[in-house]
Amino acid sequence: MASNIIKKFVIGFGFLNGIWLAIGISPEEEIIKFLQPIFSNIHSVLKTLFIILPTLIMIITVLTLIKIYKKGGLIGSGAVVIAFLAGALIFKNIIASFVLLIIAYIIGLISLKK
């Protein structure tokens, strides 16, 4: 169970979002850009969905951050930030990136034991 939470938050939320930042794209924005012309041609009411969708994504992100804090406290949140930095550095220094990821993983495990 603990390992699953670490994979979900540290690796999934922190590290992968850091990689997306390093690549320079936002997956949410790309999905919205792709779907908007398709759905707006189907029905005009669906245009309001693309006004609400970015707000929903932001709310989900904030709720995820709150869940991270509740599960791991300040230490667990720090582990996610370190994992994010590891993902953001992956193209600059791959060795430092993986060292930071391992440190974040260990810190995440420690945060769950407290």
N, C-alpha and C. Protein backbone atom coordinates (compact mmCIF):
# COMPACT_ATOMS: atom_id res chain seq x y z
N MET A 1 0.82 -1.20 0.00
CA MET A 1 0.00 0.00 0.00
C MET A 1 0.86 1.26 0.00
N ALA A 2 1.86 1.30 0.91
CA ALA A 2 2.72 2.48 0.99
C ALA A 2 3.48 2.69 -0.31
N SER A 3 3.97 1.62 -0.88
CA SER A 3 4.72 1.70 -2.13
C SER A 3 3.84 2.25 -3.25
N ASN A 4 2.58 1.87 -3.25
CA ASN A 4 1.64 2.35 -4.26
C ASN A 4 1.43 3.86 -4.15
N ILE A 5 1.34 4.36 -2.92
CA ILE A 5 1.15 5.80 -2.71
C ILE A 5 2.40 6.55 -3.17
N ILE A 6 3.58 6.01 -2.87
CA ILE A 6 4.82 6.64 -3.29
C ILE A 6 4.89 6.69 -4.81
N LYS A 7 4.56 5.59 -5.46
CA LYS A 7 4.59 5.57 -6.93
C LYS A 7 3.61 6.59 -7.50
N LYS A 8 2.45 6.67 -6.89
CA LYS A 8 1.40 7.54 -7.40
C LYS A 8 1.77 9.02 -7.25
N PHE A 9 2.27 9.40 -6.10
CA PHE A 9 2.52 10.81 -5.84
C PHE A 9 3.94 11.25 -6.22
N VAL A 10 4.94 10.54 -5.71
CA VAL A 10 6.31 10.97 -5.95
C VAL A 10 6.69 10.78 -7.41
N ILE A 11 6.47 9.60 -7.91
CA ILE A 11 6.86 9.33 -9.30
C ILE A 11 5.81 9.86 -10.27
N GLY A 12 4.55 9.54 -10.03
CA GLY A 12 3.49 9.94 -10.96
C GLY A 12 3.24 11.42 -11.00
N PHE A 13 3.06 12.04 -9.85
CA PHE A 13 2.72 13.47 -9.83
C PHE A 13 3.98 14.34 -9.89
N GLY A 14 4.97 14.04 -9.08
CA GLY A 14 6.16 14.87 -9.04
C GLY A 14 7.08 14.69 -10.23
N PHE A 15 7.62 13.49 -10.39
CA PHE A 15 8.63 13.24 -11.41
C PHE A 15 8.09 13.41 -12.83
N LEU A 16 6.95 12.83 -13.12
CA LEU A 16 6.41 12.94 -14.48
C LEU A 16 6.00 14.36 -14.85
N ASN A 17 5.47 15.12 -13.89
CA ASN A 17 5.16 16.52 -14.18
C ASN A 17 6.44 17.32 -14.41
N GLY A 18 7.51 16.97 -13.70
CA GLY A 18 8.80 17.61 -13.96
C GLY A 18 9.31 17.32 -15.36
N ILE A 19 9.12 16.08 -15.81
CA ILE A 19 9.53 15.72 -17.17
C ILE A 19 8.72 16.52 -18.19
N TRP A 20 7.42 16.66 -17.97
CA TRP A 20 6.59 17.44 -18.89
C TRP A 20 7.08 18.88 -18.95
N LEU A 21 7.49 19.42 -17.79
CA LEU A 21 8.03 20.77 -17.77
C LEU A 21 9.33 20.84 -18.56
N ALA A 22 10.19 19.84 -18.39
CA ALA A 22 11.47 19.81 -19.11
C ALA A 22 11.26 19.71 -20.62
N ILE A 23 10.26 18.97 -21.03
CA ILE A 23 9.95 18.85 -22.46
C ILE A 23 9.37 20.16 -22.99
N GLY A 24 8.62 20.84 -22.15
CA GLY A 24 8.08 22.13 -22.54
C GLY A 24 6.64 22.11 -22.99
N ILE A 25 5.93 21.06 -22.64
CA ILE A 25 4.51 21.02 -23.00
C ILE A 25 3.67 20.72 -21.77
N SER A 26 2.42 21.08 -21.86
CA SER A 26 1.45 20.77 -20.81
C SER A 26 0.45 19.78 -21.39
N PRO A 27 0.42 18.56 -20.86
CA PRO A 27 -0.50 17.56 -21.44
C PRO A 27 -1.97 17.99 -21.41
N GLU A 28 -2.36 18.69 -20.34
CA GLU A 28 -3.75 19.13 -20.24
C GLU A 28 -4.09 20.11 -21.35
N GLU A 29 -3.19 21.06 -21.59
CA GLU A 29 -3.45 22.04 -22.65
C GLU A 29 -3.49 21.39 -24.02
N GLU A 30 -2.63 20.43 -24.25
CA GLU A 30 -2.61 19.74 -25.55
C GLU A 30 -3.90 18.96 -25.78
N ILE A 31 -4.40 18.32 -24.74
CA ILE A 31 -5.65 17.56 -24.86
C ILE A 31 -6.81 18.51 -25.14
N ILE A 32 -6.83 19.64 -24.42
CA ILE A 32 -7.91 20.62 -24.64
C ILE A 32 -7.84 21.19 -26.05
N LYS A 33 -6.64 21.52 -26.53
CA LYS A 33 -6.49 22.04 -27.90
C LYS A 33 -6.95 21.02 -28.93
N PHE A 34 -6.68 19.75 -28.67
CA PHE A 34 -7.06 18.70 -29.61
C PHE A 34 -8.57 18.49 -29.63
N LEU A 35 -9.19 18.47 -28.45
CA LEU A 35 -10.62 18.15 -28.37
C LEU A 35 -11.54 19.33 -28.67
N GLN A 36 -11.08 20.54 -28.45
CA GLN A 36 -11.95 21.70 -28.61
C GLN A 36 -12.58 21.82 -30.01
N PRO A 37 -11.82 21.73 -31.09
CA PRO A 37 -12.48 21.85 -32.40
C PRO A 37 -13.45 20.70 -32.68
N ILE A 38 -13.13 19.52 -32.20
CA ILE A 38 -13.99 18.37 -32.46
C ILE A 38 -15.33 18.53 -31.78
N PHE A 39 -15.30 18.86 -30.47
CA PHE A 39 -16.54 18.95 -29.72
C PHE A 39 -17.31 20.24 -29.99
N SER A 40 -16.63 21.32 -30.32
CA SER A 40 -17.35 22.57 -30.57
C SER A 40 -18.16 22.49 -31.86
N ASN A 41 -17.73 21.65 -32.80
CA ASN A 41 -18.50 21.47 -34.03
C ASN A 41 -19.72 20.59 -33.82
N ILE A 42 -19.68 19.75 -32.79
CA ILE A 42 -20.81 18.86 -32.53
C ILE A 42 -21.98 19.64 -31.95
N HIS A 43 -21.71 20.44 -30.93
CA HIS A 43 -22.78 21.17 -30.28
C HIS A 43 -22.20 22.42 -29.64
N SER A 44 -22.92 23.54 -29.75
CA SER A 44 -22.40 24.81 -29.23
C SER A 44 -22.35 24.85 -27.71
N VAL A 45 -23.19 24.05 -27.04
CA VAL A 45 -23.19 24.02 -25.58
C VAL A 45 -21.87 23.45 -25.06
N LEU A 46 -21.23 22.61 -25.85
CA LEU A 46 -19.97 22.01 -25.42
C LEU A 46 -18.83 23.03 -25.36
N LYS A 47 -19.03 24.20 -25.96
CA LYS A 47 -18.01 25.26 -25.87
C LYS A 47 -17.81 25.69 -24.42
N THR A 48 -18.89 25.69 -23.65
CA THR A 48 -18.77 26.06 -22.24
C THR A 48 -17.95 25.02 -21.47
N LEU A 49 -17.94 23.80 -21.94
CA LEU A 49 -17.13 22.76 -21.31
C LEU A 49 -15.65 23.15 -21.34
N PHE A 50 -15.21 23.78 -22.41
CA PHE A 50 -13.81 24.15 -22.54
C PHE A 50 -13.47 25.44 -21.78
N ILE A 51 -14.48 26.08 -21.24
CA ILE A 51 -14.24 27.17 -20.29
C ILE A 51 -14.11 26.57 -18.89
N ILE A 52 -14.91 25.56 -18.61
CA ILE A 52 -14.93 24.93 -17.29
C ILE A 52 -13.76 23.95 -17.12
N LEU A 53 -13.35 23.27 -18.17
CA LEU A 53 -12.34 22.23 -18.09
C LEU A 53 -11.01 22.68 -17.49
N PRO A 54 -10.42 23.81 -17.91
CA PRO A 54 -9.17 24.24 -17.27
C PRO A 54 -9.33 24.52 -15.77
N THR A 55 -10.48 25.06 -15.39
CA THR A 55 -10.74 25.30 -13.98
C THR A 55 -10.83 23.99 -13.22
N LEU A 56 -11.48 23.00 -13.82
CA LEU A 56 -11.57 21.68 -13.20
C LEU A 56 -10.19 21.04 -13.03
N ILE A 57 -9.34 21.18 -14.03
CA ILE A 57 -7.99 20.64 -13.95
C ILE A 57 -7.23 21.30 -12.81
N MET A 58 -7.38 22.61 -12.66
CA MET A 58 -6.71 23.33 -11.58
C MET A 58 -7.22 22.87 -10.21
N ILE A 59 -8.52 22.67 -10.09
CA ILE A 59 -9.10 22.20 -8.84
C ILE A 59 -8.58 20.80 -8.51
N ILE A 60 -8.50 19.92 -9.49
CA ILE A 60 -7.99 18.58 -9.28
C ILE A 60 -6.52 18.62 -8.84
N THR A 61 -5.75 19.52 -9.42
CA THR A 61 -4.35 19.66 -9.02
C THR A 61 -4.24 20.11 -7.57
N VAL A 62 -5.03 21.09 -7.18
CA VAL A 62 -5.01 21.56 -5.80
C VAL A 62 -5.45 20.45 -4.84
N LEU A 63 -6.48 19.71 -5.20
CA LEU A 63 -6.93 18.60 -4.36
C LEU A 63 -5.86 17.51 -4.24
N THR A 64 -5.12 17.28 -5.31
CA THR A 64 -4.02 16.32 -5.27
C THR A 64 -2.93 16.79 -4.32
N LEU A 65 -2.61 18.07 -4.37
CA LEU A 65 -1.61 18.63 -3.45
C LEU A 65 -2.06 18.52 -2.00
N ILE A 66 -3.33 18.74 -1.75
CA ILE A 66 -3.87 18.60 -0.40
C ILE A 66 -3.79 17.14 0.05
N LYS A 67 -4.11 16.22 -0.84
CA LYS A 67 -4.03 14.79 -0.52
C LYS A 67 -2.59 14.38 -0.23
N ILE A 68 -1.64 14.90 -0.98
CA ILE A 68 -0.23 14.62 -0.74
C ILE A 68 0.15 15.10 0.66
N TYR A 69 -0.29 16.29 1.02
CA TYR A 69 0.03 16.84 2.34
C TYR A 69 -0.61 16.00 3.45
N LYS A 70 -1.85 15.57 3.25
CA LYS A 70 -2.52 14.76 4.27
C LYS A 70 -1.86 13.39 4.44
N LYS A 71 -1.42 12.79 3.35
CA LYS A 71 -0.79 11.46 3.42
C LYS A 71 0.63 11.51 3.98
N GLY A 72 1.41 12.51 3.57
CA GLY A 72 2.82 12.51 3.93
C GLY A 72 3.28 13.71 4.72
N GLY A 73 2.40 14.67 4.97
CA GLY A 73 2.78 15.86 5.71
C GLY A 73 3.75 16.71 4.93
N LEU A 74 4.50 17.52 5.66
CA LEU A 74 5.47 18.40 5.04
C LEU A 74 6.61 17.62 4.41
N ILE A 75 7.00 16.52 5.04
CA ILE A 75 8.09 15.69 4.51
C ILE A 75 7.67 15.05 3.19
N GLY A 76 6.46 14.53 3.14
CA GLY A 76 5.95 13.93 1.91
C GLY A 76 5.81 14.94 0.78
N SER A 77 5.38 16.15 1.14
CA SER A 77 5.28 17.22 0.14
C SER A 77 6.66 17.58 -0.39
N GLY A 78 7.63 17.60 0.50
CA GLY A 78 9.00 17.85 0.09
C GLY A 78 9.52 16.78 -0.86
N ALA A 79 9.14 15.53 -0.60
CA ALA A 79 9.55 14.43 -1.48
C ALA A 79 8.99 14.63 -2.88
N VAL A 80 7.76 15.09 -2.99
CA VAL A 80 7.15 15.34 -4.29
C VAL A 80 7.85 16.50 -5.00
N VAL A 81 8.20 17.53 -4.26
CA VAL A 81 8.92 18.67 -4.85
C VAL A 81 10.29 18.22 -5.36
N ILE A 82 10.99 17.40 -4.58
CA ILE A 82 12.30 16.89 -5.01
C ILE A 82 12.14 16.03 -6.26
N ALA A 83 11.11 15.22 -6.30
CA ALA A 83 10.86 14.39 -7.49
C ALA A 83 10.54 15.26 -8.70
N PHE A 84 9.80 16.34 -8.47
CA PHE A 84 9.50 17.28 -9.56
C PHE A 84 10.80 17.88 -10.11
N LEU A 85 11.68 18.30 -9.21
CA LEU A 85 12.97 18.85 -9.63
C LEU A 85 13.79 17.81 -10.39
N ALA A 86 13.71 16.56 -9.93
CA ALA A 86 14.42 15.48 -10.63
C ALA A 86 13.91 15.34 -12.06
N GLY A 87 12.62 15.40 -12.24
CA GLY A 87 12.05 15.31 -13.58
C GLY A 87 12.41 16.51 -14.44
N ALA A 88 12.43 17.70 -13.83
CA ALA A 88 12.75 18.90 -14.58
C ALA A 88 14.22 18.93 -15.01
N LEU A 89 15.09 18.23 -14.27
CA LEU A 89 16.52 18.22 -14.57
C LEU A 89 16.95 17.06 -15.46
N ILE A 90 16.03 16.22 -15.86
CA ILE A 90 16.41 14.98 -16.54
C ILE A 90 17.19 15.19 -17.83
N PHE A 91 16.93 16.26 -18.55
CA PHE A 91 17.66 16.49 -19.80
C PHE A 91 18.95 17.28 -19.59
N LYS A 92 19.09 17.88 -18.44
CA LYS A 92 20.31 18.65 -18.14
C LYS A 92 21.39 17.75 -17.53
N ASN A 93 21.00 16.91 -16.55
CA ASN A 93 21.95 16.04 -15.87
C ASN A 93 21.21 14.79 -15.41
N ILE A 94 21.29 13.75 -16.20
CA ILE A 94 20.50 12.54 -15.94
C ILE A 94 20.92 11.84 -14.65
N ILE A 95 22.20 11.88 -14.32
CA ILE A 95 22.67 11.22 -13.09
C ILE A 95 22.12 11.94 -11.87
N ALA A 96 22.23 13.27 -11.84
CA ALA A 96 21.68 14.04 -10.72
C ALA A 96 20.17 13.85 -10.63
N SER A 97 19.53 13.74 -11.77
CA SER A 97 18.08 13.55 -11.79
C SER A 97 17.69 12.24 -11.10
N PHE A 98 18.39 11.16 -11.44
CA PHE A 98 18.04 9.89 -10.82
C PHE A 98 18.46 9.81 -9.36
N VAL A 99 19.53 10.50 -8.99
CA VAL A 99 19.90 10.57 -7.58
C VAL A 99 18.82 11.30 -6.80
N LEU A 100 18.34 12.42 -7.33
CA LEU A 100 17.25 13.15 -6.68
C LEU A 100 15.97 12.32 -6.60
N LEU A 101 15.70 11.55 -7.64
CA LEU A 101 14.51 10.71 -7.63
C LEU A 101 14.61 9.63 -6.55
N ILE A 102 15.76 9.04 -6.40
CA ILE A 102 15.96 8.02 -5.35
C ILE A 102 15.82 8.66 -3.98
N ILE A 103 16.40 9.85 -3.80
CA ILE A 103 16.27 10.56 -2.53
C ILE A 103 14.80 10.87 -2.25
N ALA A 104 14.07 11.33 -3.25
CA ALA A 104 12.65 11.64 -3.08
C ALA A 104 11.86 10.38 -2.71
N TYR A 105 12.20 9.26 -3.33
CA TYR A 105 11.51 8.00 -3.03
C TYR A 105 11.75 7.60 -1.58
N ILE A 106 12.99 7.70 -1.13
CA ILE A 106 13.32 7.34 0.25
C ILE A 106 12.62 8.27 1.24
N ILE A 107 12.66 9.58 0.95
CA ILE A 107 11.98 10.55 1.81
C ILE A 107 10.48 10.28 1.84
N GLY A 108 9.91 9.90 0.70
CA GLY A 108 8.50 9.56 0.65
C GLY A 108 8.17 8.37 1.53
N LEU A 109 9.02 7.36 1.50
CA LEU A 109 8.80 6.20 2.38
C LEU A 109 8.89 6.58 3.84
N ILE A 110 9.86 7.44 4.18
CA ILE A 110 10.01 7.89 5.56
C ILE A 110 8.78 8.68 6.00
N SER A 111 8.25 9.51 5.11
CA SER A 111 7.10 10.35 5.48
C SER A 111 5.87 9.52 5.77
N LEU A 112 5.74 8.37 5.13
CA LEU A 112 4.57 7.52 5.36
C LEU A 112 4.67 6.74 6.67
N LYS A 113 5.87 6.55 7.16
CA LYS A 113 6.05 5.79 8.40
C LYS A 113 5.74 6.63 9.63
N LYS A 114 5.73 7.96 9.47
CA LYS A 114 5.48 8.84 10.62
C LYS A 114 4.02 9.06 10.84
